[in-house]
PDB file of all heavy atoms in Angstrom:
ATOM      1  N   LYS A   1       0.841  -1.216   0.064  1.00  0.00           N
ATOM      2  CA  LYS A   1       0.011  -0.004   0.007  1.00  0.00           C
ATOM      3  C   LYS A   1       0.849   1.222   0.005  1.00  0.00           C
ATOM      4  O   LYS A   1       1.953   1.208   0.475  1.00  0.00           O
ATOM      5  CB  LYS A   1      -0.863   0.094   1.207  1.00  0.00           C
ATOM      6  CG  LYS A   1      -1.613  -1.201   1.572  1.00  0.00           C
ATOM      7  CD  LYS A   1      -2.671  -1.591   0.545  1.00  0.00           C
ATOM      8  CE  LYS A   1      -3.324  -2.884   0.845  1.00  0.00           C
ATOM      9  NZ  LYS A   1      -4.102  -3.367  -0.148  1.00  0.00           N
ATOM     10  N   LEU A   2       0.357   2.336  -0.505  1.00  0.00           N
ATOM     11  CA  LEU A   2       0.973   3.613  -0.465  1.00  0.00           C
ATOM     12  C   LEU A   2       0.002   4.619   0.233  1.00  0.00           C
ATOM     13  O   LEU A   2      -1.190   4.767  -0.278  1.00  0.00           O
ATOM     14  CB  LEU A   2       1.282   4.075  -1.915  1.00  0.00           C
ATOM     15  CG  LEU A   2       1.879   5.503  -2.011  1.00  0.00           C
ATOM     16  CD1 LEU A   2       3.335   5.543  -1.406  1.00  0.00           C
ATOM     17  CD2 LEU A   2       1.884   6.008  -3.432  1.00  0.00           C
ATOM     18  N   GLN A   3       0.527   5.245   1.205  1.00  0.00           N
ATOM     19  CA  GLN A   3      -0.358   6.267   1.871  1.00  0.00           C
ATOM     20  C   GLN A   3       0.213   7.643   1.584  1.00  0.00           C
ATOM     21  O   GLN A   3       1.431   7.922   1.737  1.00  0.00           O
ATOM     22  CB  GLN A   3      -0.273   6.038   3.377  1.00  0.00           C
ATOM     23  CG  GLN A   3      -1.206   6.974   4.181  1.00  0.00           C
ATOM     24  CD  GLN A   3      -1.029   6.662   5.673  1.00  0.00           C
ATOM     25  OE1 GLN A   3       0.012   6.909   6.229  1.00  0.00           O
ATOM     26  NE2 GLN A   3      -2.142   6.175   6.205  1.00  0.00           N
ATOM     27  N   VAL A   4      -0.633   8.513   1.022  1.00  0.00           N
ATOM     28  CA  VAL A   4      -0.348   9.881   0.686  1.00  0.00           C
ATOM     29  C   VAL A   4      -0.987  10.788   1.627  1.00  0.00           C
ATOM     30  O   VAL A   4      -2.278  10.851   1.699  1.00  0.00           O
ATOM     31  CB  VAL A   4      -0.686  10.220  -0.725  1.00  0.00           C
ATOM     32  CG1 VAL A   4      -0.217  11.616  -1.080  1.00  0.00           C
ATOM     33  CG2 VAL A   4      -0.072   9.265  -1.701  1.00  0.00           C
ATOM     34  N   ARG A   5      -0.331  11.533   2.439  1.00  0.00           N
ATOM     35  CA  ARG A   5      -0.925  12.497   3.485  1.00  0.00           C
ATOM     36  C   ARG A   5      -1.151  13.883   2.871  1.00  0.00           C
ATOM     37  O   ARG A   5      -0.333  14.258   1.971  1.00  0.00           O
ATOM     38  CB  ARG A   5       0.040  12.522   4.755  1.00  0.00           C
ATOM     39  CG  ARG A   5       0.003  11.148   5.422  1.00  0.00           C
ATOM     40  CD  ARG A   5       0.702  11.425   6.690  1.00  0.00           C
ATOM     41  NE  ARG A   5       0.590  10.201   7.590  1.00  0.00           N
ATOM     42  CZ  ARG A   5      -0.489   9.885   8.267  1.00  0.00           C
ATOM     43  NH1 ARG A   5      -1.442  10.637   8.367  1.00  0.00           N
ATOM     44  NH2 ARG A   5      -0.458   8.750   9.007  1.00  0.00           N
ATOM     45  N   PRO A   6      -2.028  14.589   3.530  1.00  0.00           N
ATOM     46  CA  PRO A   6      -2.144  15.999   3.052  1.00  0.00           C
ATOM     47  C   PRO A   6      -0.892  16.878   3.035  1.00  0.00           C
ATOM     48  O   PRO A   6      -0.773  17.843   2.276  1.00  0.00           O
ATOM     49  CB  PRO A   6      -3.276  16.622   3.949  1.00  0.00           C
ATOM     50  CG  PRO A   6      -3.934  15.396   4.391  1.00  0.00           C
ATOM     51  CD  PRO A   6      -2.963  14.312   4.363  1.00  0.00           C
ATOM     52  N   SER A   7      -0.008  16.492   3.931  1.00  0.00           N
ATOM     53  CA  SER A   7       1.283  17.157   4.074  1.00  0.00           C
ATOM     54  C   SER A   7       2.205  16.967   2.952  1.00  0.00           C
ATOM     55  O   SER A   7       3.253  17.564   2.849  1.00  0.00           O
ATOM     56  CB  SER A   7       1.979  16.819   5.413  1.00  0.00           C
ATOM     57  OG  SER A   7       2.376  15.408   5.426  1.00  0.00           O
ATOM     58  N   GLY A   8       1.843  15.954   2.023  1.00  0.00           N
ATOM     59  CA  GLY A   8       2.658  15.555   1.003  1.00  0.00           C
ATOM     60  C   GLY A   8       3.559  14.331   1.255  1.00  0.00           C
ATOM     61  O   GLY A   8       4.309  13.746   0.427  1.00  0.00           O
ATOM     62  N   LYS A   9       3.562  13.868   2.604  1.00  0.00           N
ATOM     63  CA  LYS A   9       4.404  12.646   2.860  1.00  0.00           C
ATOM     64  C   LYS A   9       3.862  11.493   2.268  1.00  0.00           C
ATOM     65  O   LYS A   9       2.608  11.219   2.442  1.00  0.00           O
ATOM     66  CB  LYS A   9       4.475  12.646   4.423  1.00  0.00           C
ATOM     67  CG  LYS A   9       5.283  11.493   5.044  1.00  0.00           C
ATOM     68  CD  LYS A   9       5.330  11.602   6.461  1.00  0.00           C
ATOM     69  CE  LYS A   9       6.189  10.408   7.056  1.00  0.00           C
ATOM     70  NZ  LYS A   9       6.208  10.424   8.542  1.00  0.00           N
ATOM     71  N   LYS A  10       4.646  10.648   1.708  1.00  0.00           N
ATOM     72  CA  LYS A  10       4.303   9.404   1.052  1.00  0.00           C
ATOM     73  C   LYS A  10       5.001   8.236   1.715  1.00  0.00           C
ATOM     74  O   LYS A  10       6.169   8.217   1.782  1.00  0.00           O
ATOM     75  CB  LYS A  10       4.535   9.397  -0.445  1.00  0.00           C
ATOM     76  CG  LYS A  10       3.810  10.562  -1.147  1.00  0.00           C
ATOM     77  CD  LYS A  10       4.272  10.619  -2.636  1.00  0.00           C
ATOM     78  CE  LYS A  10       3.608  11.911  -3.292  1.00  0.00           C
ATOM     79  NZ  LYS A  10       4.111  12.028  -4.701  1.00  0.00           N
ATOM     80  N   SER A  11       4.208   7.185   2.132  1.00  0.00           N
ATOM     81  CA  SER A  11       4.790   6.131   2.854  1.00  0.00           C
ATOM     82  C   SER A  11       4.239   4.756   2.250  1.00  0.00           C
ATOM     83  O   SER A  11       3.101   4.710   1.908  1.00  0.00           O
ATOM     84  CB  SER A  11       4.448   6.121   4.338  1.00  0.00           C
ATOM     85  OG  SER A  11       4.782   7.298   4.932  1.00  0.00           O
ATOM     86  N   TYR A  12       5.199   3.751   2.219  1.00  0.00           N
ATOM     87  CA  TYR A  12       4.813   2.454   1.772  1.00  0.00           C
ATOM     88  C   TYR A  12       4.407   1.548   3.022  1.00  0.00           C
ATOM     89  O   TYR A  12       5.084   1.720   4.072  1.00  0.00           O
ATOM     90  CB  TYR A  12       6.075   1.713   1.130  1.00  0.00           C
ATOM     91  CG  TYR A  12       6.445   2.323  -0.118  1.00  0.00           C
ATOM     92  CD1 TYR A  12       7.678   3.011  -0.258  1.00  0.00           C
ATOM     93  CD2 TYR A  12       5.690   2.200  -1.246  1.00  0.00           C
ATOM     94  CE1 TYR A  12       8.162   3.550  -1.419  1.00  0.00           C
ATOM     95  CE2 TYR A  12       6.134   2.763  -2.528  1.00  0.00           C
ATOM     96  CZ  TYR A  12       7.335   3.451  -2.613  1.00  0.00           C
ATOM     97  OH  TYR A  12       7.690   4.048  -3.779  1.00  0.00           O
ATOM     98  N   PHE A  13       3.425   0.844   2.907  1.00  0.00           N
ATOM     99  CA  PHE A  13       3.014  -0.095   3.949  1.00  0.00           C
ATOM    100  C   PHE A  13       2.616  -1.462   3.444  1.00  0.00           C
ATOM    101  O   PHE A  13       2.344  -1.594   2.350  1.00  0.00           O
ATOM    102  CB  PHE A  13       1.681   0.457   4.609  1.00  0.00           C
ATOM    103  CG  PHE A  13       1.904   1.593   5.473  1.00  0.00           C
ATOM    104  CD1 PHE A  13       1.832   2.883   4.976  1.00  0.00           C
ATOM    105  CD2 PHE A  13       2.035   1.427   6.871  1.00  0.00           C
ATOM    106  CE1 PHE A  13       1.983   3.934   5.905  1.00  0.00           C
ATOM    107  CE2 PHE A  13       2.255   2.494   7.785  1.00  0.00           C
ATOM    108  CZ  PHE A  13       2.173   3.822   7.175  1.00  0.00           C
ATOM    109  N   PHE A  14       2.866  -2.445   4.338  1.00  0.00           N
ATOM    110  CA  PHE A  14       2.386  -3.752   4.030  1.00  0.00           C
ATOM    111  C   PHE A  14       1.082  -3.966   4.843  1.00  0.00           C
ATOM    112  O   PHE A  14       0.979  -3.523   6.020  1.00  0.00           O
ATOM    113  CB  PHE A  14       3.482  -4.808   4.572  1.00  0.00           C
ATOM    114  CG  PHE A  14       2.957  -6.201   4.630  1.00  0.00           C
ATOM    115  CD1 PHE A  14       2.982  -7.005   3.561  1.00  0.00           C
ATOM    116  CD2 PHE A  14       2.423  -6.699   5.851  1.00  0.00           C
ATOM    117  CE1 PHE A  14       2.462  -8.321   3.565  1.00  0.00           C
ATOM    118  CE2 PHE A  14       1.878  -7.963   5.958  1.00  0.00           C
ATOM    119  CZ  PHE A  14       2.005  -8.806   4.774  1.00  0.00           C
ATOM    120  N   ARG A  15       0.089  -4.602   4.086  1.00  0.00           N
ATOM    121  CA  ARG A  15      -1.131  -4.825   4.939  1.00  0.00           C
ATOM    122  C   ARG A  15      -1.723  -6.140   4.408  1.00  0.00           C
ATOM    123  O   ARG A  15      -1.796  -6.410   3.240  1.00  0.00           O
ATOM    124  CB  ARG A  15      -2.077  -3.707   4.550  1.00  0.00           C
ATOM    125  CG  ARG A  15      -3.344  -3.812   5.464  1.00  0.00           C
ATOM    126  CD  ARG A  15      -4.130  -2.512   5.442  1.00  0.00           C
ATOM    127  NE  ARG A  15      -5.260  -2.691   6.331  1.00  0.00           N
ATOM    128  CZ  ARG A  15      -6.242  -1.824   6.379  1.00  0.00           C
ATOM    129  NH1 ARG A  15      -6.249  -0.691   5.647  1.00  0.00           N
ATOM    130  NH2 ARG A  15      -7.183  -2.005   7.302  1.00  0.00           N
ATOM    131  N   ALA A  16      -2.046  -6.985   5.456  1.00  0.00           N
ATOM    132  CA  ALA A  16      -2.715  -8.287   5.158  1.00  0.00           C
ATOM    133  C   ALA A  16      -3.406  -8.788   6.460  1.00  0.00           C
ATOM    134  O   ALA A  16      -3.361  -7.964   7.407  1.00  0.00           O
ATOM    135  CB  ALA A  16      -1.581  -9.256   4.834  1.00  0.00           C
ATOM    136  N   LYS A  17      -4.119  -9.799   6.254  1.00  0.00           N
ATOM    137  CA  LYS A  17      -4.773 -10.375   7.435  1.00  0.00           C
ATOM    138  C   LYS A  17      -4.136 -11.694   7.881  1.00  0.00           C
ATOM    139  O   LYS A  17      -3.755 -12.460   6.958  1.00  0.00           O
ATOM    140  CB  LYS A  17      -6.289 -10.668   7.078  1.00  0.00           C
ATOM    141  CG  LYS A  17      -7.017  -9.436   7.029  1.00  0.00           C
ATOM    142  CD  LYS A  17      -8.579  -9.672   7.337  1.00  0.00           C
ATOM    143  CE  LYS A  17      -9.283  -8.398   7.262  1.00  0.00           C
ATOM    144  NZ  LYS A  17      -9.677  -7.855   8.472  1.00  0.00           N
ATOM    145  N   CYS A  18      -4.041 -11.876   9.221  1.00  0.00           N
ATOM    146  CA  CYS A  18      -3.434 -13.161   9.720  1.00  0.00           C
ATOM    147  C   CYS A  18      -4.354 -13.595  10.802  1.00  0.00           C
ATOM    148  O   CYS A  18      -4.468 -12.804  11.863  1.00  0.00           O
ATOM    149  CB  CYS A  18      -1.983 -12.863  10.158  1.00  0.00           C
ATOM    150  SG  CYS A  18      -1.167 -14.377  10.960  1.00  0.00           S
ATOM    151  N   ASN A  19      -4.879 -14.743  10.702  1.00  0.00           N
ATOM    152  CA  ASN A  19      -5.813 -15.285  11.785  1.00  0.00           C
ATOM    153  C   ASN A  19      -6.923 -14.299  12.078  1.00  0.00           C
ATOM    154  O   ASN A  19      -7.238 -14.154  13.285  1.00  0.00           O
ATOM    155  CB  ASN A  19      -5.025 -15.707  12.938  1.00  0.00           C
ATOM    156  CG  ASN A  19      -3.902 -16.803  12.751  1.00  0.00           C
ATOM    157  OD1 ASN A  19      -4.194 -17.584  11.858  1.00  0.00           O
ATOM    158  ND2 ASN A  19      -2.840 -16.700  13.410  1.00  0.00           N
ATOM    159  N   GLY A  20      -7.403 -13.591  11.122  1.00  0.00           N
ATOM    160  CA  GLY A  20      -8.530 -12.695  11.384  1.00  0.00           C
ATOM    161  C   GLY A  20      -8.014 -11.256  11.843  1.00  0.00           C
ATOM    162  O   GLY A  20      -8.916 -10.372  12.010  1.00  0.00           O
ATOM    163  N   LYS A  21      -6.754 -11.141  12.074  1.00  0.00           N
ATOM    164  CA  LYS A  21      -6.208  -9.879  12.605  1.00  0.00           C
ATOM    165  C   LYS A  21      -5.664  -9.093  11.403  1.00  0.00           C
ATOM    166  O   LYS A  21      -4.997  -9.582  10.608  1.00  0.00           O
ATOM    167  CB  LYS A  21      -5.076 -10.085  13.574  1.00  0.00           C
ATOM    168  CG  LYS A  21      -5.676 -10.610  14.971  1.00  0.00           C
ATOM    169  CD  LYS A  21      -4.546 -11.101  15.922  1.00  0.00           C
ATOM    170  CE  LYS A  21      -3.634  -9.986  16.256  1.00  0.00           C
ATOM    171  NZ  LYS A  21      -2.609 -10.386  17.228  1.00  0.00           N
ATOM    172  N   ASP A  22      -5.979  -7.717  11.371  1.00  0.00           N
ATOM    173  CA  ASP A  22      -5.379  -6.991  10.324  1.00  0.00           C
ATOM    174  C   ASP A  22      -3.941  -6.478  10.740  1.00  0.00           C
ATOM    175  O   ASP A  22      -3.656  -6.046  11.809  1.00  0.00           O
ATOM    176  CB  ASP A  22      -6.240  -5.648  10.259  1.00  0.00           C
ATOM    177  CG  ASP A  22      -5.861  -4.820   9.059  1.00  0.00           C
ATOM    178  OD1 ASP A  22      -5.630  -5.397   7.965  1.00  0.00           O
ATOM    179  OD2 ASP A  22      -5.997  -3.620   9.125  1.00  0.00           O
ATOM    180  N   ILE A  23      -3.025  -6.895   9.808  1.00  0.00           N
ATOM    181  CA  ILE A  23      -1.612  -6.578  10.083  1.00  0.00           C
ATOM    182  C   ILE A  23      -1.234  -5.492   9.140  1.00  0.00           C
ATOM    183  O   ILE A  23      -1.387  -5.542   7.941  1.00  0.00           O
ATOM    184  CB  ILE A  23      -0.697  -7.843   9.700  1.00  0.00           C
ATOM    185  CG1 ILE A  23      -1.184  -9.147  10.376  1.00  0.00           C
ATOM    186  CG2 ILE A  23       0.776  -7.506   9.930  1.00  0.00           C
ATOM    187  CD1 ILE A  23      -1.052  -9.006  11.902  1.00  0.00           C
ATOM    188  N   LYS A  24      -0.723  -4.449   9.691  1.00  0.00           N
ATOM    189  CA  LYS A  24      -0.217  -3.301   9.053  1.00  0.00           C
ATOM    190  C   LYS A  24       1.132  -2.914   9.459  1.00  0.00           C
ATOM    191  O   LYS A  24       1.425  -2.821  10.696  1.00  0.00           O
ATOM    192  CB  LYS A  24      -1.171  -2.019   9.216  1.00  0.00           C
ATOM    193  CG  LYS A  24      -0.802  -0.798   8.377  1.00  0.00           C
ATOM    194  CD  LYS A  24      -1.742   0.362   8.571  1.00  0.00           C
ATOM    195  CE  LYS A  24      -1.291   1.575   7.780  1.00  0.00           C
ATOM    196  NZ  LYS A  24      -2.163   2.736   7.989  1.00  0.00           N
ATOM    197  N   ARG A  25       2.170  -2.826   8.597  1.00  0.00           N
ATOM    198  CA  ARG A  25       3.438  -2.611   8.957  1.00  0.00           C
ATOM    199  C   ARG A  25       4.126  -1.639   7.948  1.00  0.00           C
ATOM    200  O   ARG A  25       4.030  -1.776   6.659  1.00  0.00           O
ATOM    201  CB  ARG A  25       4.276  -3.963   8.772  1.00  0.00           C
ATOM    202  CG  ARG A  25       5.579  -3.967   9.287  1.00  0.00           C
ATOM    203  CD  ARG A  25       6.057  -5.330   9.353  1.00  0.00           C
ATOM    204  NE  ARG A  25       7.535  -5.419   9.714  1.00  0.00           N
ATOM    205  CZ  ARG A  25       8.225  -6.473   9.595  1.00  0.00           C
ATOM    206  NH1 ARG A  25       7.691  -7.605   9.249  1.00  0.00           N
ATOM    207  NH2 ARG A  25       9.521  -6.463   9.991  1.00  0.00           N
ATOM    208  N   LYS A  26       4.755  -0.659   8.470  1.00  0.00           N
ATOM    209  CA  LYS A  26       5.386   0.417   7.602  1.00  0.00           C
ATOM    210  C   LYS A  26       6.595  -0.155   7.026  1.00  0.00           C
ATOM    211  O   LYS A  26       7.485  -0.787   7.636  1.00  0.00           O
ATOM    212  CB  LYS A  26       5.712   1.683   8.423  1.00  0.00           C
ATOM    213  CG  LYS A  26       6.301   2.786   7.605  1.00  0.00           C
ATOM    214  CD  LYS A  26       6.415   3.947   8.452  1.00  0.00           C
ATOM    215  CE  LYS A  26       6.941   5.153   7.592  1.00  0.00           C
ATOM    216  NZ  LYS A  26       7.062   6.373   8.453  1.00  0.00           N
ATOM    217  N   ILE A  27       6.802   0.011   5.687  1.00  0.00           N
ATOM    218  CA  ILE A  27       7.935  -0.562   4.910  1.00  0.00           C
ATOM    219  C   ILE A  27       8.997   0.652   4.848  1.00  0.00           C
ATOM    220  O   ILE A  27      10.149   0.364   5.002  1.00  0.00           O
ATOM    221  CB  ILE A  27       7.568  -1.014   3.564  1.00  0.00           C
ATOM    222  CG1 ILE A  27       6.685  -2.208   3.753  1.00  0.00           C
ATOM    223  CG2 ILE A  27       8.782  -1.280   2.735  1.00  0.00           C
ATOM    224  CD1 ILE A  27       6.028  -2.687   2.476  1.00  0.00           C
ATOM    225  N   GLY A  28       8.526   1.849   4.439  1.00  0.00           N
ATOM    226  CA  GLY A  28       9.436   2.939   4.368  1.00  0.00           C
ATOM    227  C   GLY A  28       8.867   4.183   3.678  1.00  0.00           C
ATOM    228  O   GLY A  28       7.717   4.101   3.268  1.00  0.00           O
ATOM    229  N   GLU A  29       9.715   5.216   3.578  1.00  0.00           N
ATOM    230  CA  GLU A  29       9.139   6.438   2.981  1.00  0.00           C
ATOM    231  C   GLU A  29       9.514   6.430   1.517  1.00  0.00           C
ATOM    232  O   GLU A  29      10.680   6.001   1.172  1.00  0.00           O
ATOM    233  CB  GLU A  29       9.804   7.663   3.725  1.00  0.00           C
ATOM    234  CG  GLU A  29       9.479   7.718   5.187  1.00  0.00           C
ATOM    235  CD  GLU A  29       8.035   7.910   5.509  1.00  0.00           C
ATOM    236  OE1 GLU A  29       7.388   8.576   4.792  1.00  0.00           O
ATOM    237  OE2 GLU A  29       7.610   7.424   6.517  1.00  0.00           O
ATOM    238  N   VAL A  30       8.793   7.084   0.678  1.00  0.00           N
ATOM    239  CA  VAL A  30       9.032   7.393  -0.705  1.00  0.00           C
ATOM    240  C   VAL A  30      10.244   8.326  -0.724  1.00  0.00           C
ATOM    241  O   VAL A  30      10.258   9.272   0.086  1.00  0.00           O
ATOM    242  CB  VAL A  30       7.850   8.009  -1.447  1.00  0.00           C
ATOM    243  CG1 VAL A  30       8.283   8.500  -2.814  1.00  0.00           C
ATOM    244  CG2 VAL A  30       6.710   7.032  -1.503  1.00  0.00           C
ATOM    245  N   GLY A  31      11.224   8.068  -1.413  1.00  0.00           N
ATOM    246  CA  GLY A  31      12.497   8.865  -1.430  1.00  0.00           C
ATOM    247  C   GLY A  31      13.628   8.151  -0.665  1.00  0.00           C
ATOM    248  O   GLY A  31      14.802   8.367  -0.970  1.00  0.00           O
ATOM    249  N   GLN A  32      13.303   7.321   0.332  1.00  0.00           N
ATOM    250  CA  GLN A  32      14.283   6.469   1.038  1.00  0.00           C
ATOM    251  C   GLN A  32      14.436   5.176   0.389  1.00  0.00           C
ATOM    252  O   GLN A  32      15.528   4.637   0.330  1.00  0.00           O
ATOM    253  CB  GLN A  32      13.862   6.363   2.502  1.00  0.00           C
ATOM    254  CG  GLN A  32      13.917   7.632   3.304  1.00  0.00           C
ATOM    255  CD  GLN A  32      13.583   7.357   4.756  1.00  0.00           C
ATOM    256  OE1 GLN A  32      12.856   6.352   5.075  1.00  0.00           O
ATOM    257  NE2 GLN A  32      13.845   8.270   5.620  1.00  0.00           N
ATOM    258  N   ILE A  33      13.365   4.620  -0.108  1.00  0.00           N
ATOM    259  CA  ILE A  33      13.401   3.377  -0.857  1.00  0.00           C
ATOM    260  C   ILE A  33      12.672   3.502  -2.190  1.00  0.00           C
ATOM    261  O   ILE A  33      11.679   4.222  -2.285  1.00  0.00           O
ATOM    262  CB  ILE A  33      12.853   2.117  -0.056  1.00  0.00           C
ATOM    263  CG1 ILE A  33      11.362   2.285   0.336  1.00  0.00           C
ATOM    264  CG2 ILE A  33      13.708   1.941   1.258  1.00  0.00           C
ATOM    265  CD1 ILE A  33      10.836   1.116   0.987  1.00  0.00           C
ATOM    266  N   THR A  34      13.051   2.669  -3.096  1.00  0.00           N
ATOM    267  CA  THR A  34      12.468   2.688  -4.472  1.00  0.00           C
ATOM    268  C   THR A  34      11.167   1.834  -4.557  1.00  0.00           C
ATOM    269  O   THR A  34      11.031   1.038  -3.542  1.00  0.00           O
ATOM    270  CB  THR A  34      13.458   2.204  -5.546  1.00  0.00           C
ATOM    271  OG1 THR A  34      13.749   0.902  -5.201  1.00  0.00           O
ATOM    272  CG2 THR A  34      14.764   3.117  -5.656  1.00  0.00           C
ATOM    273  N   VAL A  35      10.509   1.897  -5.567  1.00  0.00           N
ATOM    274  CA  VAL A  35       9.289   1.133  -5.742  1.00  0.00           C
ATOM    275  C   VAL A  35       9.729  -0.395  -5.709  1.00  0.00           C
ATOM    276  O   VAL A  35       9.115  -1.269  -5.121  1.00  0.00           O
ATOM    277  CB  VAL A  35       8.498   1.504  -6.955  1.00  0.00           C
ATOM    278  CG1 VAL A  35       7.352   0.553  -7.300  1.00  0.00           C
ATOM    279  CG2 VAL A  35       7.938   2.905  -6.820  1.00  0.00           C
ATOM    280  N   PRO A  36      10.687  -0.806  -6.641  1.00  0.00           N
ATOM    281  CA  PRO A  36      11.024  -2.189  -6.599  1.00  0.00           C
ATOM    282  C   PRO A  36      11.531  -2.718  -5.247  1.00  0.00           C
ATOM    283  O   PRO A  36      11.215  -3.849  -4.839  1.00  0.00           O
ATOM    284  CB  PRO A  36      12.195  -2.300  -7.592  1.00  0.00           C
ATOM    285  CG  PRO A  36      12.012  -1.115  -8.507  1.00  0.00           C
ATOM    286  CD  PRO A  36      11.436  -0.048  -7.597  1.00  0.00           C
ATOM    287  N   MET A  37      12.244  -1.917  -4.526  1.00  0.00           N
ATOM    288  CA  MET A  37      12.671  -2.338  -3.118  1.00  0.00           C
ATOM    289  C   MET A  37      11.444  -2.480  -2.256  1.00  0.00           C
ATOM    290  O   MET A  37      11.343  -3.468  -1.420  1.00  0.00           O
ATOM    291  CB  MET A  37      13.613  -1.247  -2.521  1.00  0.00           C
ATOM    292  CG  MET A  37      14.114  -1.704  -1.188  1.00  0.00           C
ATOM    293  SD  MET A  37      15.144  -3.264  -1.269  1.00  0.00           S
ATOM    294  CE  MET A  37      16.696  -2.560  -1.528  1.00  0.00           C
ATOM    295  N   ALA A  38      10.393  -1.541  -2.365  1.00  0.00           N
ATOM    296  CA  ALA A  38       9.237  -1.668  -1.516  1.00  0.00           C
ATOM    297  C   ALA A  38       8.467  -3.062  -1.838  1.00  0.00           C
ATOM    298  O   ALA A  38       7.933  -3.652  -0.965  1.00  0.00           O
ATOM    299  CB  ALA A  38       8.313  -0.445  -1.726  1.00  0.00           C
ATOM    300  N   LYS A  39       8.501  -3.346  -3.058  1.00  0.00           N
ATOM    301  CA  LYS A  39       7.730  -4.567  -3.551  1.00  0.00           C
ATOM    302  C   LYS A  39       8.484  -5.750  -3.045  1.00  0.00           C
ATOM    303  O   LYS A  39       7.854  -6.745  -2.535  1.00  0.00           O
ATOM    304  CB  LYS A  39       7.675  -4.570  -5.076  1.00  0.00           C
ATOM    305  CG  LYS A  39       6.798  -3.633  -5.671  1.00  0.00           C
ATOM    306  CD  LYS A  39       6.771  -3.630  -7.207  1.00  0.00           C
ATOM    307  CE  LYS A  39       5.761  -2.691  -7.790  1.00  0.00           C
ATOM    308  NZ  LYS A  39       5.677  -2.722  -9.273  1.00  0.00           N
TER     309      LYS A  39
END
């Protein structure tokens, strides 16, 4: 996932479900890591 905030900050996230629980984990900021690295 990519989250774009009103401030202009863009962040990559991992999001999935595990045993019915929503798992969300920050991967990194746009500019710090590339799209292929985020994938």
